[in-house]
Amino acid sequence: MTLGSTLERIADEQQRERRIRLRSAARPTDPVTSFEAADKANLMASQAEVLRVLAEQGPLTDVDIVRFAHQRVESNGTKVNWSDSRLRSARSELRDKGAVRDTGERYTPPSGRRQIIWALTERGRGHA
């Protein structure tokens, strides 16, 4: 590893930590439980839906996450109203938060385009 690549890695880690601090509603001096509560409160409704689908169905592709989210009927009888794109973005945001992970498995549908299979992490199960 060169000095330049090491400095780039350190700068990337510092920038990632700053983004995490900016997103968190907890103060740096707060106990861990405050950070956990802030993380849970920061979930958008579409992210919560993705977590619910993965918790109920197990590991899925983006296509299946969208399909199950649209099939789910709320207790008041209205269907979930998020676009396919919003649900895929929510899954991506959850990956960035460490709540969802790539299983390393791929599904190849008849179209031939391989799809990543996503699963909840321990952190994601704590939010679901």
N, C-alpha and C. Protein backbone atom coordinates (compact mmCIF):
# COMPACT_ATOMS: atom_id res chain seq x y z
N MET A 1 0.85 -1.17 0.00
CA MET A 1 0.00 0.00 0.00
C MET A 1 0.91 1.24 0.00
N THR A 2 0.60 2.16 -0.90
CA THR A 2 1.41 3.38 -0.99
C THR A 2 0.91 4.41 0.00
N LEU A 3 1.75 5.41 0.23
CA LEU A 3 1.38 6.49 1.14
C LEU A 3 0.15 7.22 0.61
N GLY A 4 0.11 7.44 -0.71
CA GLY A 4 -1.03 8.13 -1.31
C GLY A 4 -2.33 7.38 -1.11
N SER A 5 -2.31 6.06 -1.31
CA SER A 5 -3.53 5.28 -1.14
C SER A 5 -3.94 5.21 0.33
N THR A 6 -2.97 5.17 1.23
CA THR A 6 -3.27 5.17 2.66
C THR A 6 -3.93 6.49 3.06
N LEU A 7 -3.40 7.60 2.58
CA LEU A 7 -3.98 8.91 2.88
C LEU A 7 -5.39 9.03 2.30
N GLU A 8 -5.60 8.50 1.10
CA GLU A 8 -6.94 8.52 0.51
C GLU A 8 -7.92 7.72 1.35
N ARG A 9 -7.49 6.55 1.81
CA ARG A 9 -8.35 5.69 2.63
C ARG A 9 -8.71 6.40 3.94
N ILE A 10 -7.73 7.04 4.57
CA ILE A 10 -7.97 7.76 5.82
C ILE A 10 -8.93 8.92 5.57
N ALA A 11 -8.75 9.66 4.49
CA ALA A 11 -9.64 10.78 4.17
C ALA A 11 -11.06 10.27 3.92
N ASP A 12 -11.19 9.15 3.21
CA ASP A 12 -12.51 8.56 2.96
C ASP A 12 -13.19 8.16 4.26
N GLU A 13 -12.43 7.54 5.17
CA GLU A 13 -13.00 7.13 6.46
C GLU A 13 -13.43 8.34 7.28
N GLN A 14 -12.62 9.39 7.26
CA GLN A 14 -12.97 10.60 8.00
C GLN A 14 -14.23 11.24 7.44
N GLN A 15 -14.34 11.27 6.11
CA GLN A 15 -15.53 11.85 5.49
C GLN A 15 -16.76 11.02 5.81
N ARG A 16 -16.64 9.70 5.80
CA ARG A 16 -17.75 8.81 6.14
C ARG A 16 -18.19 9.03 7.59
N GLU A 17 -17.23 9.17 8.49
CA GLU A 17 -17.56 9.43 9.89
C GLU A 17 -18.28 10.77 10.06
N ARG A 18 -17.84 11.80 9.31
CA ARG A 18 -18.51 13.11 9.38
C ARG A 18 -19.96 12.99 8.90
N ARG A 19 -20.19 12.24 7.81
CA ARG A 19 -21.56 12.06 7.30
C ARG A 19 -22.41 11.34 8.32
N ILE A 20 -21.85 10.34 8.97
CA ILE A 20 -22.61 9.60 9.98
C ILE A 20 -22.96 10.52 11.14
N ARG A 21 -22.00 11.34 11.59
CA ARG A 21 -22.27 12.27 12.69
C ARG A 21 -23.33 13.28 12.30
N LEU A 22 -23.29 13.78 11.05
CA LEU A 22 -24.26 14.76 10.61
C LEU A 22 -25.67 14.17 10.57
N ARG A 23 -25.79 12.89 10.22
CA ARG A 23 -27.09 12.25 10.12
C ARG A 23 -27.65 11.86 11.48
N SER A 24 -26.81 11.71 12.46
CA SER A 24 -27.24 11.21 13.75
C SER A 24 -27.85 12.33 14.59
N ALA A 25 -28.96 12.01 15.27
CA ALA A 25 -29.60 12.98 16.14
C ALA A 25 -28.99 12.95 17.54
N ALA A 26 -28.11 12.00 17.80
CA ALA A 26 -27.48 11.88 19.12
C ALA A 26 -26.18 12.69 19.14
N ARG A 27 -25.83 13.18 20.31
CA ARG A 27 -24.58 13.91 20.49
C ARG A 27 -23.43 12.92 20.70
N PRO A 28 -22.20 13.32 20.34
CA PRO A 28 -21.06 12.41 20.50
C PRO A 28 -20.87 11.92 21.93
N THR A 29 -21.33 12.70 22.91
CA THR A 29 -21.14 12.31 24.31
C THR A 29 -22.29 11.44 24.83
N ASP A 30 -23.34 11.25 24.03
CA ASP A 30 -24.50 10.45 24.46
C ASP A 30 -24.14 8.97 24.54
N PRO A 31 -24.86 8.22 25.38
CA PRO A 31 -24.60 6.77 25.46
C PRO A 31 -25.03 6.07 24.17
N VAL A 32 -24.55 4.86 24.01
CA VAL A 32 -24.83 4.06 22.81
C VAL A 32 -26.33 3.94 22.56
N THR A 33 -27.12 3.81 23.62
CA THR A 33 -28.57 3.65 23.45
C THR A 33 -29.19 4.86 22.76
N SER A 34 -28.63 6.04 22.97
CA SER A 34 -29.14 7.25 22.29
C SER A 34 -28.89 7.18 20.80
N PHE A 35 -27.72 6.66 20.41
CA PHE A 35 -27.42 6.50 19.00
C PHE A 35 -28.35 5.47 18.37
N GLU A 36 -28.62 4.39 19.09
CA GLU A 36 -29.53 3.36 18.57
C GLU A 36 -30.93 3.94 18.38
N ALA A 37 -31.39 4.72 19.34
CA ALA A 37 -32.71 5.34 19.23
C ALA A 37 -32.75 6.34 18.08
N ALA A 38 -31.68 7.12 17.92
CA ALA A 38 -31.62 8.09 16.83
C ALA A 38 -31.63 7.40 15.48
N ASP A 39 -30.90 6.29 15.37
CA ASP A 39 -30.89 5.52 14.13
C ASP A 39 -32.29 5.05 13.78
N LYS A 40 -32.99 4.52 14.77
CA LYS A 40 -34.33 4.00 14.53
C LYS A 40 -35.28 5.12 14.13
N ALA A 41 -35.17 6.27 14.79
CA ALA A 41 -36.04 7.41 14.49
C ALA A 41 -35.75 7.99 13.11
N ASN A 42 -34.51 7.84 12.64
CA ASN A 42 -34.13 8.41 11.35
C ASN A 42 -34.59 7.58 10.15
N LEU A 43 -35.17 6.44 10.40
CA LEU A 43 -35.64 5.63 9.28
C LEU A 43 -36.83 6.31 8.61
N MET A 44 -36.77 6.41 7.32
CA MET A 44 -37.91 6.91 6.58
C MET A 44 -38.92 5.78 6.45
N ALA A 45 -40.15 6.13 6.17
CA ALA A 45 -41.20 5.12 6.05
C ALA A 45 -40.88 4.10 4.97
N SER A 46 -40.31 4.53 3.86
CA SER A 46 -39.98 3.58 2.79
C SER A 46 -38.87 2.62 3.24
N GLN A 47 -37.92 3.11 4.03
CA GLN A 47 -36.87 2.24 4.56
C GLN A 47 -37.47 1.24 5.53
N ALA A 48 -38.39 1.70 6.37
CA ALA A 48 -39.05 0.80 7.31
C ALA A 48 -39.81 -0.28 6.56
N GLU A 49 -40.43 0.07 5.44
CA GLU A 49 -41.16 -0.92 4.64
C GLU A 49 -40.21 -1.98 4.08
N VAL A 50 -39.07 -1.56 3.58
CA VAL A 50 -38.08 -2.51 3.05
C VAL A 50 -37.62 -3.45 4.17
N LEU A 51 -37.37 -2.91 5.35
CA LEU A 51 -36.98 -3.75 6.48
C LEU A 51 -38.08 -4.74 6.84
N ARG A 52 -39.33 -4.28 6.84
CA ARG A 52 -40.46 -5.17 7.14
C ARG A 52 -40.55 -6.32 6.14
N VAL A 53 -40.42 -5.98 4.86
CA VAL A 53 -40.51 -7.00 3.82
C VAL A 53 -39.40 -8.03 3.99
N LEU A 54 -38.17 -7.58 4.20
CA LEU A 54 -37.06 -8.52 4.37
C LEU A 54 -37.21 -9.34 5.65
N ALA A 55 -37.74 -8.74 6.71
CA ALA A 55 -37.95 -9.47 7.96
C ALA A 55 -39.02 -10.55 7.77
N GLU A 56 -40.07 -10.24 7.02
CA GLU A 56 -41.16 -11.19 6.82
C GLU A 56 -40.82 -12.27 5.79
N GLN A 57 -40.10 -11.90 4.73
CA GLN A 57 -39.88 -12.81 3.61
C GLN A 57 -38.50 -13.46 3.58
N GLY A 58 -37.53 -12.87 4.27
CA GLY A 58 -36.16 -13.37 4.18
C GLY A 58 -35.43 -12.71 3.03
N PRO A 59 -34.23 -13.20 2.69
CA PRO A 59 -33.42 -12.58 1.64
C PRO A 59 -34.16 -12.51 0.30
N LEU A 60 -34.06 -11.34 -0.36
CA LEU A 60 -34.77 -11.10 -1.62
C LEU A 60 -33.94 -10.22 -2.55
N THR A 61 -34.31 -10.25 -3.82
CA THR A 61 -33.76 -9.31 -4.80
C THR A 61 -34.54 -8.00 -4.71
N ASP A 62 -34.02 -6.94 -5.33
CA ASP A 62 -34.75 -5.67 -5.37
C ASP A 62 -36.12 -5.86 -6.01
N VAL A 63 -36.18 -6.64 -7.08
CA VAL A 63 -37.46 -6.88 -7.77
C VAL A 63 -38.47 -7.48 -6.81
N ASP A 64 -38.04 -8.45 -6.02
CA ASP A 64 -38.95 -9.10 -5.07
C ASP A 64 -39.32 -8.20 -3.90
N ILE A 65 -38.36 -7.38 -3.45
CA ILE A 65 -38.66 -6.42 -2.37
C ILE A 65 -39.79 -5.50 -2.83
N VAL A 66 -39.67 -4.98 -4.05
CA VAL A 66 -40.69 -4.09 -4.60
C VAL A 66 -42.02 -4.82 -4.72
N ARG A 67 -41.99 -6.04 -5.25
CA ARG A 67 -43.22 -6.81 -5.45
C ARG A 67 -43.94 -7.05 -4.12
N PHE A 68 -43.22 -7.51 -3.11
CA PHE A 68 -43.84 -7.78 -1.81
C PHE A 68 -44.33 -6.49 -1.14
N ALA A 69 -43.57 -5.40 -1.29
CA ALA A 69 -44.01 -4.13 -0.69
C ALA A 69 -45.32 -3.68 -1.31
N HIS A 70 -45.45 -3.84 -2.62
CA HIS A 70 -46.69 -3.42 -3.29
C HIS A 70 -47.86 -4.36 -2.98
N GLN A 71 -47.57 -5.60 -2.67
CA GLN A 71 -48.63 -6.57 -2.35
C GLN A 71 -49.17 -6.36 -0.94
N ARG A 72 -48.32 -5.84 -0.08
CA ARG A 72 -48.71 -5.70 1.32
C ARG A 72 -49.84 -4.70 1.47
N VAL A 73 -50.86 -5.07 2.18
CA VAL A 73 -51.99 -4.17 2.40
C VAL A 73 -51.96 -3.70 3.85
N GLU A 74 -52.02 -2.40 4.03
CA GLU A 74 -52.03 -1.84 5.38
C GLU A 74 -53.34 -2.19 6.08
N SER A 75 -53.37 -2.07 7.37
CA SER A 75 -54.56 -2.44 8.14
C SER A 75 -55.79 -1.64 7.74
N ASN A 76 -55.60 -0.44 7.20
CA ASN A 76 -56.75 0.36 6.79
C ASN A 76 -57.20 0.04 5.37
N GLY A 77 -56.54 -0.92 4.72
CA GLY A 77 -56.97 -1.36 3.40
C GLY A 77 -56.33 -0.61 2.24
N THR A 78 -55.44 0.35 2.51
CA THR A 78 -54.79 1.05 1.41
C THR A 78 -53.46 0.39 1.10
N LYS A 79 -53.13 0.33 -0.18
CA LYS A 79 -51.87 -0.29 -0.57
C LYS A 79 -50.71 0.67 -0.38
N VAL A 80 -49.54 0.12 -0.20
CA VAL A 80 -48.32 0.92 -0.09
C VAL A 80 -48.15 1.68 -1.40
N ASN A 81 -47.76 2.93 -1.30
CA ASN A 81 -47.79 3.80 -2.46
C ASN A 81 -46.42 4.26 -2.95
N TRP A 82 -45.33 3.59 -2.59
CA TRP A 82 -44.00 4.04 -3.00
C TRP A 82 -43.71 3.53 -4.40
N SER A 83 -42.95 4.34 -5.14
CA SER A 83 -42.53 3.92 -6.47
C SER A 83 -41.47 2.82 -6.34
N ASP A 84 -41.29 2.07 -7.42
CA ASP A 84 -40.24 1.05 -7.44
C ASP A 84 -38.88 1.69 -7.15
N SER A 85 -38.65 2.85 -7.76
CA SER A 85 -37.38 3.56 -7.59
C SER A 85 -37.16 3.98 -6.13
N ARG A 86 -38.22 4.47 -5.46
CA ARG A 86 -38.09 4.89 -4.05
C ARG A 86 -37.73 3.69 -3.18
N LEU A 87 -38.32 2.54 -3.44
CA LEU A 87 -38.03 1.35 -2.64
C LEU A 87 -36.60 0.86 -2.88
N ARG A 88 -36.13 0.92 -4.13
CA ARG A 88 -34.74 0.53 -4.41
C ARG A 88 -33.77 1.50 -3.73
N SER A 89 -34.12 2.80 -3.77
CA SER A 89 -33.28 3.80 -3.09
C SER A 89 -33.26 3.56 -1.58
N ALA A 90 -34.41 3.21 -1.03
CA ALA A 90 -34.49 2.92 0.41
C ALA A 90 -33.60 1.73 0.76
N ARG A 91 -33.60 0.70 -0.09
CA ARG A 91 -32.74 -0.46 0.16
C ARG A 91 -31.27 -0.05 0.11
N SER A 92 -30.92 0.81 -0.85
CA SER A 92 -29.55 1.29 -0.97
C SER A 92 -29.14 2.10 0.26
N GLU A 93 -30.03 2.95 0.74
CA GLU A 93 -29.77 3.75 1.94
C GLU A 93 -29.57 2.84 3.15
N LEU A 94 -30.36 1.78 3.22
CA LEU A 94 -30.23 0.83 4.33
C LEU A 94 -28.91 0.08 4.25
N ARG A 95 -28.45 -0.19 3.04
CA ARG A 95 -27.13 -0.82 2.88
C ARG A 95 -26.07 0.13 3.42
N ASP A 96 -26.18 1.42 3.08
CA ASP A 96 -25.20 2.41 3.54
C ASP A 96 -25.22 2.55 5.06
N LYS A 97 -26.38 2.32 5.68
CA LYS A 97 -26.51 2.39 7.14
C LYS A 97 -26.11 1.09 7.83
N GLY A 98 -25.80 0.06 7.05
CA GLY A 98 -25.41 -1.22 7.63
C GLY A 98 -26.57 -2.09 8.08
N ALA A 99 -27.79 -1.79 7.60
CA ALA A 99 -28.97 -2.56 8.00
C ALA A 99 -29.30 -3.68 7.02
N VAL A 100 -28.75 -3.59 5.81
CA VAL A 100 -29.00 -4.58 4.76
C VAL A 100 -27.65 -4.90 4.12
N ARG A 101 -27.48 -6.16 3.73
CA ARG A 101 -26.19 -6.55 3.12
C ARG A 101 -26.43 -7.42 1.88
N ASP A 102 -25.45 -7.40 1.01
CA ASP A 102 -25.40 -8.27 -0.16
C ASP A 102 -25.03 -9.66 0.36
N THR A 103 -25.84 -10.67 0.06
CA THR A 103 -25.56 -12.01 0.55
C THR A 103 -24.42 -12.69 -0.21
N GLY A 104 -24.05 -12.11 -1.35
CA GLY A 104 -23.06 -12.74 -2.21
C GLY A 104 -23.71 -13.69 -3.20
N GLU A 105 -25.00 -13.96 -3.02
CA GLU A 105 -25.74 -14.82 -3.94
C GLU A 105 -26.37 -13.98 -5.03
N ARG A 106 -26.57 -14.59 -6.20
CA ARG A 106 -27.20 -13.92 -7.32
C ARG A 106 -28.32 -14.79 -7.87
N TYR A 107 -29.37 -14.12 -8.36
CA TYR A 107 -30.48 -14.81 -9.01
C TYR A 107 -30.48 -14.36 -10.46
N THR A 108 -30.58 -15.31 -11.38
CA THR A 108 -30.64 -14.97 -12.79
C THR A 108 -32.02 -15.34 -13.32
N PRO A 109 -32.87 -14.33 -13.57
CA PRO A 109 -34.21 -14.60 -14.11
C PRO A 109 -34.12 -14.91 -15.60
N PRO A 110 -35.24 -15.23 -16.23
CA PRO A 110 -35.22 -15.53 -17.67
C PRO A 110 -34.63 -14.40 -18.52
N SER A 111 -34.71 -13.16 -18.06
CA SER A 111 -34.16 -12.03 -18.83
C SER A 111 -32.63 -12.12 -18.92
N GLY A 112 -32.02 -12.89 -18.01
CA GLY A 112 -30.57 -13.07 -18.02
C GLY A 112 -29.80 -12.03 -17.22
N ARG A 113 -30.48 -11.03 -16.68
CA ARG A 113 -29.79 -9.99 -15.89
C ARG A 113 -29.70 -10.43 -14.44
N ARG A 114 -28.47 -10.70 -14.01
CA ARG A 114 -28.28 -11.19 -12.64
C ARG A 114 -28.70 -10.15 -11.63
N GLN A 115 -29.30 -10.61 -10.52
CA GLN A 115 -29.80 -9.73 -9.48
C GLN A 115 -29.17 -10.11 -8.14
N ILE A 116 -28.79 -9.11 -7.37
CA ILE A 116 -28.23 -9.31 -6.04
C ILE A 116 -29.34 -9.73 -5.10
N ILE A 117 -29.03 -10.67 -4.22
CA ILE A 117 -29.97 -11.07 -3.17
C ILE A 117 -29.54 -10.37 -1.89
N TRP A 118 -30.48 -9.60 -1.31
CA TRP A 118 -30.22 -8.78 -0.13
C TRP A 118 -30.81 -9.43 1.11
N ALA A 119 -30.14 -9.21 2.25
CA ALA A 119 -30.62 -9.76 3.53
C ALA A 119 -30.41 -8.73 4.63
N LEU A 120 -31.16 -8.88 5.70
CA LEU A 120 -31.00 -8.02 6.86
C LEU A 120 -29.70 -8.37 7.60
N THR A 121 -29.08 -7.37 8.18
CA THR A 121 -27.96 -7.59 9.09
C THR A 121 -28.54 -7.61 10.51
N GLU A 122 -27.70 -7.84 11.49
CA GLU A 122 -28.16 -7.76 12.88
C GLU A 122 -28.75 -6.39 13.17
N ARG A 123 -28.07 -5.37 12.68
CA ARG A 123 -28.56 -4.00 12.88
C ARG A 123 -29.93 -3.82 12.23
N GLY A 124 -30.10 -4.36 11.04
CA GLY A 124 -31.38 -4.27 10.34
C GLY A 124 -32.50 -5.01 11.08
N ARG A 125 -32.16 -6.17 11.66
CA ARG A 125 -33.17 -6.92 12.41
C ARG A 125 -33.62 -6.14 13.65
N GLY A 126 -32.72 -5.33 14.19
CA GLY A 126 -33.07 -4.51 15.34
C GLY A 126 -34.04 -3.39 14.99
N HIS A 127 -34.10 -3.02 13.73
CA HIS A 127 -35.01 -1.96 13.27
C HIS A 127 -36.32 -2.50 12.72
N ALA A 128 -36.32 -3.75 12.31
CA ALA A 128 -37.50 -4.30 11.63
C ALA A 128 -38.66 -4.49 12.58
